[in-house]
Amino acid sequence: MSANDSHGEHRWFLTLHRWAVDRREAMPLLSEHRAWVLKQHRAGNITISGPSADRSLGIMVVRARDSAAASQLLRDEPWLARGMRTVEIIPWDVHELLGVDLHTREEVKA
């Protein structure tokens, strides 16, 4: 099973969001950004999100059919839509997740 879910419909993408402007310029849109991210979490499109410890990078794990669908989803993110950030979308073959081997569906033993 590579990065596909059990139905073979979605793949995982690691997305790295870099500032294209001074981060302080984007902060007035923080609540809009957070509302968009939480909406995507509720919809199952984003599974993990948050900034790097130094706040220089945003990181999201996205589930989508393909890279084009991931890109289309992210186009509406407020900071990306306004050109305040750029995004790198990396297809990711997730093999283990939260203690489960996704190839065998068995728990990974320590």
Protein backbone atom coordinates (compact mmCIF):
# COMPACT_ATOMS: atom_id res chain seq x y z
CA MET A 1 0.00 0.00 0.00
CA SER A 2 2.19 3.12 -0.43
CA ALA A 3 0.88 6.51 0.51
CA ASN A 4 -2.65 5.63 -0.58
CA ASP A 5 -5.37 5.16 1.99
CA SER A 6 -7.24 1.88 2.28
CA HIS A 7 -9.47 2.80 -0.67
CA GLY A 8 -6.58 3.98 -2.85
CA GLU A 9 -8.17 7.41 -3.21
CA HIS A 10 -5.81 9.75 -1.34
CA ARG A 11 -2.11 10.35 -1.00
CA TRP A 12 -0.11 12.15 1.65
CA PHE A 13 1.74 15.39 0.92
CA LEU A 14 4.18 17.21 3.17
CA THR A 15 3.81 20.92 2.47
CA LEU A 16 6.37 23.52 3.46
CA HIS A 17 5.18 27.13 3.56
CA ARG A 18 7.84 29.86 3.41
CA TRP A 19 7.34 33.57 3.95
CA ALA A 20 7.51 35.76 0.84
CA VAL A 21 7.02 38.89 2.98
CA ASP A 22 8.07 39.91 6.44
CA ARG A 23 6.03 37.67 8.75
CA ARG A 24 4.78 40.69 10.71
CA GLU A 25 2.97 41.91 7.59
CA ALA A 26 0.88 38.71 7.56
CA MET A 27 -0.19 38.71 11.21
CA PRO A 28 -3.38 40.77 10.64
CA LEU A 29 -4.61 37.71 8.67
CA LEU A 30 -3.70 35.16 11.36
CA SER A 31 -7.30 34.56 12.46
CA GLU A 32 -8.39 34.09 8.83
CA HIS A 33 -5.49 31.67 8.27
CA ARG A 34 -6.34 29.68 11.42
CA ALA A 35 -10.04 29.50 10.50
CA TRP A 36 -9.11 28.12 7.06
CA VAL A 37 -6.69 25.56 8.55
CA LEU A 38 -9.25 24.36 11.13
CA LYS A 39 -11.90 24.05 8.40
CA GLN A 40 -9.50 21.84 6.40
CA HIS A 41 -8.75 19.73 9.48
CA ARG A 42 -12.49 19.16 10.05
CA ALA A 43 -12.90 18.19 6.39
CA GLY A 44 -10.04 15.67 6.66
CA ASN A 45 -7.86 17.50 4.14
CA ILE A 46 -5.12 18.43 6.62
CA THR A 47 -4.03 16.00 9.34
CA ILE A 48 -1.14 17.87 11.00
CA SER A 49 -0.25 21.57 10.89
CA GLY A 50 1.83 24.15 12.66
CA PRO A 51 4.88 26.37 12.38
CA SER A 52 8.50 25.46 12.88
CA ALA A 53 9.83 26.39 16.32
CA ASP A 54 11.36 29.62 15.00
CA ARG A 55 8.16 30.49 13.05
CA SER A 56 10.10 30.77 9.78
CA LEU A 57 8.27 27.86 8.16
CA GLY A 58 4.70 26.56 8.15
CA ILE A 59 4.31 22.79 7.88
CA MET A 60 1.16 20.90 6.94
CA VAL A 61 0.44 17.27 6.13
CA VAL A 62 -2.25 17.22 3.44
CA ARG A 63 -4.34 14.33 2.12
CA ALA A 64 -5.46 14.67 -1.50
CA ARG A 65 -5.99 12.61 -4.68
CA ASP A 66 -2.82 13.94 -6.28
CA SER A 67 -0.42 16.88 -6.30
CA ALA A 68 -2.78 18.96 -8.43
CA ALA A 69 -5.62 18.50 -5.91
CA ALA A 70 -3.27 19.39 -3.03
CA SER A 71 -2.18 22.51 -4.89
CA GLN A 72 -5.77 23.49 -5.64
CA LEU A 73 -6.75 23.04 -1.97
CA LEU A 74 -3.88 25.23 -0.76
CA ARG A 75 -4.61 28.03 -3.25
CA ASP A 76 -7.38 29.27 -0.97
CA GLU A 77 -5.18 29.48 2.14
CA PRO A 78 -5.27 33.22 2.98
CA TRP A 79 -1.52 33.85 3.08
CA LEU A 80 -0.84 31.84 -0.09
CA ALA A 81 -3.77 33.45 -1.91
CA ARG A 82 -2.32 36.90 -1.20
CA GLY A 83 1.25 35.98 -2.18
CA MET A 84 2.53 36.30 1.39
CA ARG A 85 3.85 32.74 1.38
CA THR A 86 5.12 30.22 -1.13
CA VAL A 87 4.52 26.50 -0.78
CA GLU A 88 6.52 23.40 -1.65
CA ILE A 89 4.35 20.29 -2.05
CA ILE A 90 6.23 17.03 -1.49
CA PRO A 91 4.50 13.70 -2.25
CA TRP A 92 5.12 11.49 0.78
CA ASP A 93 5.02 7.71 0.97
CA VAL A 94 4.01 7.27 4.60
CA HIS A 95 4.94 3.76 5.80
CA GLU A 96 4.28 4.03 9.53
CA LEU A 97 1.79 6.28 11.27
CA LEU A 98 1.05 6.60 14.99
CA GLY A 99 2.52 3.20 15.77
CA VAL A 100 0.90 1.35 12.85
CA ASP A 101 2.74 -0.22 9.90
CA LEU A 102 0.58 0.94 6.98
CA HIS A 103 1.76 -1.95 4.79
CA THR A 104 0.56 -4.68 7.14
CA ARG A 105 -1.88 -2.66 9.30
CA GLU A 106 -0.17 -4.16 12.34
CA GLU A 107 0.95 -2.24 15.40
CA VAL A 108 4.66 -1.43 15.46
CA LYS A 109 6.19 -3.04 18.55
CA ALA A 110 8.95 -1.27 20.44
